[in-house]
Amino acid sequence: MPRGKTYNNSSAAIGDTPMIRINRLVPADQATVFAKCEFFQPLNSVKDRIGVAMIEAAERDGLINADSHIIEPTSGNTGI
């Protein structure tokens, strides 16, 4: 059985979630169905990918850098 990957930090693991073949949903000769297991994200959230993408875009566009402080003032719906 293969072991999981090792990362240098938690953000490096974001997006590397497994896909699982669903064998009993439909007959094999009709379709192949997979489920993407986003609950395997480091913070157990489907919003991990978009959060990282937003930070990386802001860095790329020069809006933030390593010295920037980011405050997320909402309690939901990806308010970064």
PDB file of N, CA and C in Angstrom:
ATOM      1  N   MET A   1       0.842  -1.183   0.000  1.00  0.00           N
ATOM      2  CA  MET A   1       0.000   0.000   0.000  1.00  0.00           C
ATOM      3  C   MET A   1       0.887   1.245   0.000  1.00  0.00           C
ATOM      4  N   PRO A   2       0.679   2.177  -0.955  1.00  0.00           N
ATOM      5  CA  PRO A   2       1.518   3.364  -1.008  1.00  0.00           C
ATOM      6  C   PRO A   2       1.267   4.275   0.182  1.00  0.00           C
ATOM      7  N   ARG A   3       2.310   4.923   0.616  1.00  0.00           N
ATOM      8  CA  ARG A   3       2.203   5.868   1.721  1.00  0.00           C
ATOM      9  C   ARG A   3       1.935   7.260   1.185  1.00  0.00           C
ATOM     10  N   GLY A   4       1.415   8.138   2.053  1.00  0.00           N
ATOM     11  CA  GLY A   4       1.150   9.511   1.661  1.00  0.00           C
ATOM     12  C   GLY A   4       2.423  10.280   1.408  1.00  0.00           C
ATOM     13  N   LYS A   5       2.283  11.397   0.727  1.00  0.00           N
ATOM     14  CA  LYS A   5       3.423  12.244   0.417  1.00  0.00           C
ATOM     15  C   LYS A   5       3.808  13.068   1.639  1.00  0.00           C
ATOM     16  N   THR A   6       5.046  13.540   1.659  1.00  0.00           N
ATOM     17  CA  THR A   6       5.540  14.416   2.709  1.00  0.00           C
ATOM     18  C   THR A   6       5.762  15.798   2.104  1.00  0.00           C
ATOM     19  N   TYR A   7       5.303  16.838   2.803  1.00  0.00           N
ATOM     20  CA  TYR A   7       5.405  18.213   2.325  1.00  0.00           C
ATOM     21  C   TYR A   7       6.204  19.044   3.323  1.00  0.00           C
ATOM     22  N   ASN A   8       6.802  20.134   2.831  1.00  0.00           N
ATOM     23  CA  ASN A   8       7.561  21.023   3.699  1.00  0.00           C
ATOM     24  C   ASN A   8       6.669  21.937   4.523  1.00  0.00           C
ATOM     25  N   ASN A   9       5.446  22.188   4.054  1.00  0.00           N
ATOM     26  CA  ASN A   9       4.495  23.010   4.809  1.00  0.00           C
ATOM     27  C   ASN A   9       3.084  22.647   4.370  1.00  0.00           C
ATOM     28  N   SER A  10       2.100  23.092   5.138  1.00  0.00           N
ATOM     29  CA  SER A  10       0.721  22.677   4.865  1.00  0.00           C
ATOM     30  C   SER A  10       0.187  23.246   3.561  1.00  0.00           C
ATOM     31  N   SER A  11       0.629  24.435   3.155  1.00  0.00           N
ATOM     32  CA  SER A  11       0.104  25.004   1.915  1.00  0.00           C
ATOM     33  C   SER A  11       0.562  24.219   0.686  1.00  0.00           C
ATOM     34  N   ALA A  12       1.683  23.531   0.780  1.00  0.00           N
ATOM     35  CA  ALA A  12       2.154  22.713  -0.342  1.00  0.00           C
ATOM     36  C   ALA A  12       1.244  21.508  -0.584  1.00  0.00           C
ATOM     37  N   ALA A  13       0.519  21.095   0.438  1.00  0.00           N
ATOM     38  CA  ALA A  13      -0.360  19.930   0.315  1.00  0.00           C
ATOM     39  C   ALA A  13      -1.728  20.286  -0.267  1.00  0.00           C
ATOM     40  N   ILE A  14      -2.047  21.561  -0.345  1.00  0.00           N
ATOM     41  CA  ILE A  14      -3.361  21.969  -0.830  1.00  0.00           C
ATOM     42  C   ILE A  14      -3.504  21.603  -2.302  1.00  0.00           C
ATOM     43  N   GLY A  15      -4.615  20.993  -2.614  1.00  0.00           N
ATOM     44  CA  GLY A  15      -4.901  20.617  -3.992  1.00  0.00           C
ATOM     45  C   GLY A  15      -4.488  19.206  -4.353  1.00  0.00           C
ATOM     46  N   ASP A  16      -3.767  18.542  -3.476  1.00  0.00           N
ATOM     47  CA  ASP A  16      -3.307  17.188  -3.775  1.00  0.00           C
ATOM     48  C   ASP A  16      -4.222  16.168  -3.105  1.00  0.00           C
ATOM     49  N   THR A  17      -5.517  16.291  -3.387  1.00  0.00           N
ATOM     50  CA  THR A  17      -6.502  15.405  -2.777  1.00  0.00           C
ATOM     51  C   THR A  17      -6.763  14.204  -3.681  1.00  0.00           C
ATOM     52  N   PRO A  18      -7.063  13.063  -3.096  1.00  0.00           N
ATOM     53  CA  PRO A  18      -7.243  11.861  -3.910  1.00  0.00           C
ATOM     54  C   PRO A  18      -8.583  11.820  -4.631  1.00  0.00           C
ATOM     55  N   MET A  19      -8.593  11.051  -5.703  1.00  0.00           N
ATOM     56  CA  MET A  19      -9.842  10.709  -6.384  1.00  0.00           C
ATOM     57  C   MET A  19     -10.085   9.237  -6.110  1.00  0.00           C
ATOM     58  N   ILE A  20     -11.318   8.925  -5.792  1.00  0.00           N
ATOM     59  CA  ILE A  20     -11.698   7.556  -5.465  1.00  0.00           C
ATOM     60  C   ILE A  20     -12.700   7.067  -6.502  1.00  0.00           C
ATOM     61  N   ARG A  21     -12.451   5.901  -7.054  1.00  0.00           N
ATOM     62  CA  ARG A  21     -13.396   5.317  -8.004  1.00  0.00           C
ATOM     63  C   ARG A  21     -14.611   4.815  -7.226  1.00  0.00           C
ATOM     64  N   ILE A  22     -15.795   5.199  -7.674  1.00  0.00           N
ATOM     65  CA  ILE A  22     -17.043   4.745  -7.067  1.00  0.00           C
ATOM     66  C   ILE A  22     -17.546   3.561  -7.891  1.00  0.00           C
ATOM     67  N   ASN A  23     -17.433   2.391  -7.332  1.00  0.00           N
ATOM     68  CA  ASN A  23     -17.724   1.170  -8.089  1.00  0.00           C
ATOM     69  C   ASN A  23     -19.186   0.740  -8.066  1.00  0.00           C
ATOM     70  N   ARG A  24     -19.947   1.175  -7.097  1.00  0.00           N
ATOM     71  CA  ARG A  24     -21.301   0.637  -6.945  1.00  0.00           C
ATOM     72  C   ARG A  24     -22.403   1.612  -7.325  1.00  0.00           C
ATOM     73  N   LEU A  25     -22.082   2.760  -7.848  1.00  0.00           N
ATOM     74  CA  LEU A  25     -23.095   3.752  -8.186  1.00  0.00           C
ATOM     75  C   LEU A  25     -23.821   3.421  -9.486  1.00  0.00           C
ATOM     76  N   VAL A  26     -23.059   3.039 -10.490  1.00  0.00           N
ATOM     77  CA  VAL A  26     -23.634   2.655 -11.780  1.00  0.00           C
ATOM     78  C   VAL A  26     -22.915   1.397 -12.267  1.00  0.00           C
ATOM     79  N   PRO A  27     -23.547   0.630 -13.118  1.00  0.00           N
ATOM     80  CA  PRO A  27     -22.865  -0.557 -13.663  1.00  0.00           C
ATOM     81  C   PRO A  27     -21.586  -0.165 -14.419  1.00  0.00           C
ATOM     82  N   ALA A  28     -20.560  -0.978 -14.314  1.00  0.00           N
ATOM     83  CA  ALA A  28     -19.252  -0.680 -14.898  1.00  0.00           C
ATOM     84  C   ALA A  28     -19.300  -0.482 -16.402  1.00  0.00           C
ATOM     85  N   ASP A  29     -20.218  -1.125 -17.086  1.00  0.00           N
ATOM     86  CA  ASP A  29     -20.291  -0.987 -18.532  1.00  0.00           C
ATOM     87  C   ASP A  29     -21.041   0.277 -18.968  1.00  0.00           C
ATOM     88  N   GLN A  30     -21.600   1.038 -18.018  1.00  0.00           N
ATOM     89  CA  GLN A  30     -22.337   2.262 -18.347  1.00  0.00           C
ATOM     90  C   GLN A  30     -21.515   3.526 -18.126  1.00  0.00           C
ATOM     91  N   ALA A  31     -20.692   3.519 -17.074  1.00  0.00           N
ATOM     92  CA  ALA A  31     -19.908   4.723 -16.769  1.00  0.00           C
ATOM     93  C   ALA A  31     -18.847   4.393 -15.735  1.00  0.00           C
ATOM     94  N   THR A  32     -17.843   5.249 -15.685  1.00  0.00           N
ATOM     95  CA  THR A  32     -16.855   5.198 -14.623  1.00  0.00           C
ATOM     96  C   THR A  32     -17.035   6.475 -13.813  1.00  0.00           C
ATOM     97  N   VAL A  33     -17.280   6.335 -12.518  1.00  0.00           N
ATOM     98  CA  VAL A  33     -17.570   7.483 -11.666  1.00  0.00           C
ATOM     99  C   VAL A  33     -16.465   7.617 -10.622  1.00  0.00           C
ATOM    100  N   PHE A  34     -15.971   8.853 -10.454  1.00  0.00           N
ATOM    101  CA  PHE A  34     -14.950   9.151  -9.450  1.00  0.00           C
ATOM    102  C   PHE A  34     -15.475  10.229  -8.514  1.00  0.00           C
ATOM    103  N   ALA A  35     -14.977  10.220  -7.287  1.00  0.00           N
ATOM    104  CA  ALA A  35     -15.273  11.280  -6.325  1.00  0.00           C
ATOM    105  C   ALA A  35     -13.960  11.946  -5.944  1.00  0.00           C
ATOM    106  N   LYS A  36     -13.922  13.272  -6.008  1.00  0.00           N
ATOM    107  CA  LYS A  36     -12.741  14.023  -5.607  1.00  0.00           C
ATOM    108  C   LYS A  36     -12.894  14.339  -4.122  1.00  0.00           C
ATOM    109  N   CYS A  37     -11.974  13.875  -3.315  1.00  0.00           N
ATOM    110  CA  CYS A  37     -12.102  13.944  -1.852  1.00  0.00           C
ATOM    111  C   CYS A  37     -11.494  15.233  -1.300  1.00  0.00           C
ATOM    112  N   GLU A  38     -12.203  16.334  -1.470  1.00  0.00           N
ATOM    113  CA  GLU A  38     -11.714  17.631  -1.001  1.00  0.00           C
ATOM    114  C   GLU A  38     -11.605  17.705   0.514  1.00  0.00           C
ATOM    115  N   PHE A  39     -12.278  16.825   1.226  1.00  0.00           N
ATOM    116  CA  PHE A  39     -12.181  16.832   2.684  1.00  0.00           C
ATOM    117  C   PHE A  39     -10.815  16.366   3.166  1.00  0.00           C
ATOM    118  N   PHE A  40      -9.935  15.967   2.260  1.00  0.00           N
ATOM    119  CA  PHE A  40      -8.557  15.627   2.604  1.00  0.00           C
ATOM    120  C   PHE A  40      -7.647  16.861   2.601  1.00  0.00           C
ATOM    121  N   GLN A  41      -8.183  18.025   2.334  1.00  0.00           N
ATOM    122  CA  GLN A  41      -7.382  19.256   2.356  1.00  0.00           C
ATOM    123  C   GLN A  41      -6.792  19.447   3.757  1.00  0.00           C
ATOM    124  N   PRO A  42      -5.647  20.136   3.879  1.00  0.00           N
ATOM    125  CA  PRO A  42      -5.003  20.311   5.184  1.00  0.00           C
ATOM    126  C   PRO A  42      -5.910  20.963   6.237  1.00  0.00           C
ATOM    127  N   LEU A  43      -6.765  21.869   5.816  1.00  0.00           N
ATOM    128  CA  LEU A  43      -7.656  22.535   6.775  1.00  0.00           C
ATOM    129  C   LEU A  43      -9.068  21.970   6.729  1.00  0.00           C
ATOM    130  N   ASN A  44      -9.224  20.837   6.034  1.00  0.00           N
ATOM    131  CA  ASN A  44     -10.504  20.139   5.940  1.00  0.00           C
ATOM    132  C   ASN A  44     -11.601  21.030   5.353  1.00  0.00           C
ATOM    133  N   SER A  45     -11.228  21.833   4.366  1.00  0.00           N
ATOM    134  CA  SER A  45     -12.183  22.766   3.776  1.00  0.00           C
ATOM    135  C   SER A  45     -12.067  22.765   2.262  1.00  0.00           C
ATOM    136  N   VAL A  46     -13.201  22.859   1.584  1.00  0.00           N
ATOM    137  CA  VAL A  46     -13.181  22.974   0.130  1.00  0.00           C
ATOM    138  C   VAL A  46     -12.687  24.353  -0.295  1.00  0.00           C
ATOM    139  N   LYS A  47     -12.531  25.265   0.644  1.00  0.00           N
ATOM    140  CA  LYS A  47     -12.082  26.624   0.329  1.00  0.00           C
ATOM    141  C   LYS A  47     -10.563  26.776   0.350  1.00  0.00           C
ATOM    142  N   ASP A  48      -9.830  25.715   0.696  1.00  0.00           N
ATOM    143  CA  ASP A  48      -8.372  25.792   0.739  1.00  0.00           C
ATOM    144  C   ASP A  48      -7.791  26.191  -0.614  1.00  0.00           C
ATOM    145  N   ARG A  49      -8.267  25.563  -1.683  1.00  0.00           N
ATOM    146  CA  ARG A  49      -7.737  25.846  -3.026  1.00  0.00           C
ATOM    147  C   ARG A  49      -7.935  27.311  -3.410  1.00  0.00           C
ATOM    148  N   ILE A  50      -9.144  27.825  -3.229  1.00  0.00           N
ATOM    149  CA  ILE A  50      -9.402  29.202  -3.648  1.00  0.00           C
ATOM    150  C   ILE A  50      -8.639  30.194  -2.776  1.00  0.00           C
ATOM    151  N   GLY A  51      -8.491  29.880  -1.497  1.00  0.00           N
ATOM    152  CA  GLY A  51      -7.716  30.765  -0.615  1.00  0.00           C
ATOM    153  C   GLY A  51      -6.278  30.886  -1.069  1.00  0.00           C
ATOM    154  N   VAL A  52      -5.653  29.767  -1.384  1.00  0.00           N
ATOM    155  CA  VAL A  52      -4.269  29.780  -1.871  1.00  0.00           C
ATOM    156  C   VAL A  52      -4.191  30.497  -3.212  1.00  0.00           C
ATOM    157  N   ALA A  53      -5.154  30.241  -4.098  1.00  0.00           N
ATOM    158  CA  ALA A  53      -5.148  30.898  -5.409  1.00  0.00           C
ATOM    159  C   ALA A  53      -5.256  32.416  -5.263  1.00  0.00           C
ATOM    160  N   MET A  54      -6.080  32.879  -4.328  1.00  0.00           N
ATOM    161  CA  MET A  54      -6.243  34.324  -4.122  1.00  0.00           C
ATOM    162  C   MET A  54      -4.957  34.954  -3.584  1.00  0.00           C
ATOM    163  N   ILE A  55      -4.301  34.282  -2.649  1.00  0.00           N
ATOM    164  CA  ILE A  55      -3.036  34.785  -2.097  1.00  0.00           C
ATOM    165  C   ILE A  55      -1.958  34.789  -3.173  1.00  0.00           C
ATOM    166  N   GLU A  56      -1.850  33.712  -3.931  1.00  0.00           N
ATOM    167  CA  GLU A  56      -0.835  33.648  -4.989  1.00  0.00           C
ATOM    168  C   GLU A  56      -1.067  34.710  -6.054  1.00  0.00           C
ATOM    169  N   ALA A  57      -2.323  34.973  -6.401  1.00  0.00           N
ATOM    170  CA  ALA A  57      -2.627  36.017  -7.390  1.00  0.00           C
ATOM    171  C   ALA A  57      -2.252  37.393  -6.851  1.00  0.00           C
ATOM    172  N   ALA A  58      -2.534  37.651  -5.587  1.00  0.00           N
ATOM    173  CA  ALA A  58      -2.184  38.941  -4.990  1.00  0.00           C
ATOM    174  C   ALA A  58      -0.669  39.113  -4.935  1.00  0.00           C
ATOM    175  N   GLU A  59       0.066  38.047  -4.637  1.00  0.00           N
ATOM    176  CA  GLU A  59       1.533  38.117  -4.650  1.00  0.00           C
ATOM    177  C   GLU A  59       2.043  38.381  -6.065  1.00  0.00           C
ATOM    178  N   ARG A  60       1.517  37.649  -7.028  1.00  0.00           N
ATOM    179  CA  ARG A  60       1.941  37.786  -8.432  1.00  0.00           C
ATOM    180  C   ARG A  60       1.666  39.198  -8.949  1.00  0.00           C
ATOM    181  N   ASP A  61       0.541  39.795  -8.529  1.00  0.00           N
ATOM    182  CA  ASP A  61       0.165  41.131  -8.979  1.00  0.00           C
ATOM    183  C   ASP A  61       0.826  42.243  -8.165  1.00  0.00           C
ATOM    184  N   GLY A  62       1.661  41.864  -7.201  1.00  0.00           N
ATOM    185  CA  GLY A  62       2.370  42.854  -6.402  1.00  0.00           C
ATOM    186  C   GLY A  62       1.513  43.531  -5.341  1.00  0.00           C
ATOM    187  N   LEU A  63       0.366  42.995  -5.040  1.00  0.00           N
ATOM    188  CA  LEU A  63      -0.527  43.598  -4.041  1.00  0.00           C
ATOM    189  C   LEU A  63      -0.112  43.252  -2.618  1.00  0.00           C
ATOM    190  N   ILE A  64       0.533  42.114  -2.437  1.00  0.00           N
ATOM    191  CA  ILE A  64       1.045  41.715  -1.131  1.00  0.00           C
ATOM    192  C   ILE A  64       2.426  41.110  -1.311  1.00  0.00           C
ATOM    193  N   ASN A  65       3.171  41.036  -0.192  1.00  0.00           N
ATOM    194  CA  ASN A  65       4.480  40.389  -0.204  1.00  0.00           C
ATOM    195  C   ASN A  65       4.692  39.691   1.132  1.00  0.00           C
ATOM    196  N   ALA A  66       5.903  39.210   1.377  1.00  0.00           N
ATOM    197  CA  ALA A  66       6.184  38.452   2.594  1.00  0.00           C
ATOM    198  C   ALA A  66       5.963  39.277   3.857  1.00  0.00           C
ATOM    199  N   ASP A  67       6.016  40.610   3.753  1.00  0.00           N
ATOM    200  CA  ASP A  67       5.823  41.469   4.924  1.00  0.00           C
ATOM    201  C   ASP A  67       4.376  41.913   5.115  1.00  0.00           C
ATOM    202  N   SER A  68       3.496  41.548   4.208  1.00  0.00           N
ATOM    203  CA  SER A  68       2.089  41.963   4.293  1.00  0.00           C
ATOM    204  C   SER A  68       1.365  41.212   5.407  1.00  0.00           C
ATOM    205  N   HIS A  69       0.395  41.891   5.996  1.00  0.00           N
ATOM    206  CA  HIS A  69      -0.493  41.274   6.980  1.00  0.00           C
ATOM    207  C   HIS A  69      -1.865  41.156   6.331  1.00  0.00           C
ATOM    208  N   ILE A  70      -2.450  39.993   6.420  1.00  0.00           N
ATOM    209  CA  ILE A  70      -3.760  39.766   5.816  1.00  0.00           C
ATOM    210  C   ILE A  70      -4.760  39.508   6.938  1.00  0.00           C
ATOM    211  N   ILE A  71      -5.835  40.270   6.923  1.00  0.00           N
ATOM    212  CA  ILE A  71      -6.898  40.100   7.907  1.00  0.00           C
ATOM    213  C   ILE A  71      -8.140  39.647   7.170  1.00  0.00           C
ATOM    214  N   GLU A  72      -8.707  38.553   7.613  1.00  0.00           N
ATOM    215  CA  GLU A  72      -9.904  37.988   6.982  1.00  0.00           C
ATOM    216  C   GLU A  72     -11.062  38.267   7.937  1.00  0.00           C
ATOM    217  N   PRO A  73     -11.840  39.343   7.681  1.00  0.00           N
ATOM    218  CA  PRO A  73     -12.832  39.791   8.646  1.00  0.00           C
ATOM    219  C   PRO A  73     -14.204  39.133   8.570  1.00  0.00           C
ATOM    220  N   THR A  74     -14.391  38.142   7.717  1.00  0.00           N
ATOM    221  CA  THR A  74     -15.714  37.532   7.622  1.00  0.00           C
ATOM    222  C   THR A  74     -15.759  36.225   8.403  1.00  0.00           C
ATOM    223  N   SER A  75     -16.923  35.694   8.551  1.00  0.00           N
ATOM    224  CA  SER A  75     -17.071  34.407   9.225  1.00  0.00           C
ATOM    225  C   SER A  75     -17.508  33.332   8.243  1.00  0.00           C
ATOM    226  N   GLY A  76     -17.410  33.623   6.954  1.00  0.00           N
ATOM    227  CA  GLY A  76     -17.786  32.606   5.982  1.00  0.00           C
ATOM    228  C   GLY A  76     -17.673  33.077   4.559  1.00  0.00           C
ATOM    229  N   ASN A  77     -17.877  32.160   3.642  1.00  0.00           N
ATOM    230  CA  ASN A  77     -17.888  32.412   2.205  1.00  0.00           C
ATOM    231  C   ASN A  77     -16.608  33.021   1.665  1.00  0.00           C
ATOM    232  N   THR A  78     -15.485  32.547   2.137  1.00  0.00           N
ATOM    233  CA  THR A  78     -14.174  32.897   1.599  1.00  0.00           C
ATOM    234  C   THR A  78     -13.973  34.396   1.505  1.00  0.00           C
ATOM    235  N   GLY A  79     -13.889  35.050   2.612  1.00  0.00           N
ATOM    236  CA  GLY A  79     -13.789  36.498   2.646  1.00  0.00           C
ATOM    237  C   GLY A  79     -12.392  37.054   2.572  1.00  0.00           C
ATOM    238  N   ILE A  80     -11.438  36.312   2.024  1.00  0.00           N
ATOM    239  CA  ILE A  80     -10.059  36.815   1.949  1.00  0.00           C
ATOM    240  C   ILE A  80     -10.005  37.985   0.995  1.00  0.00           C
TER     241      ILE A  80
END
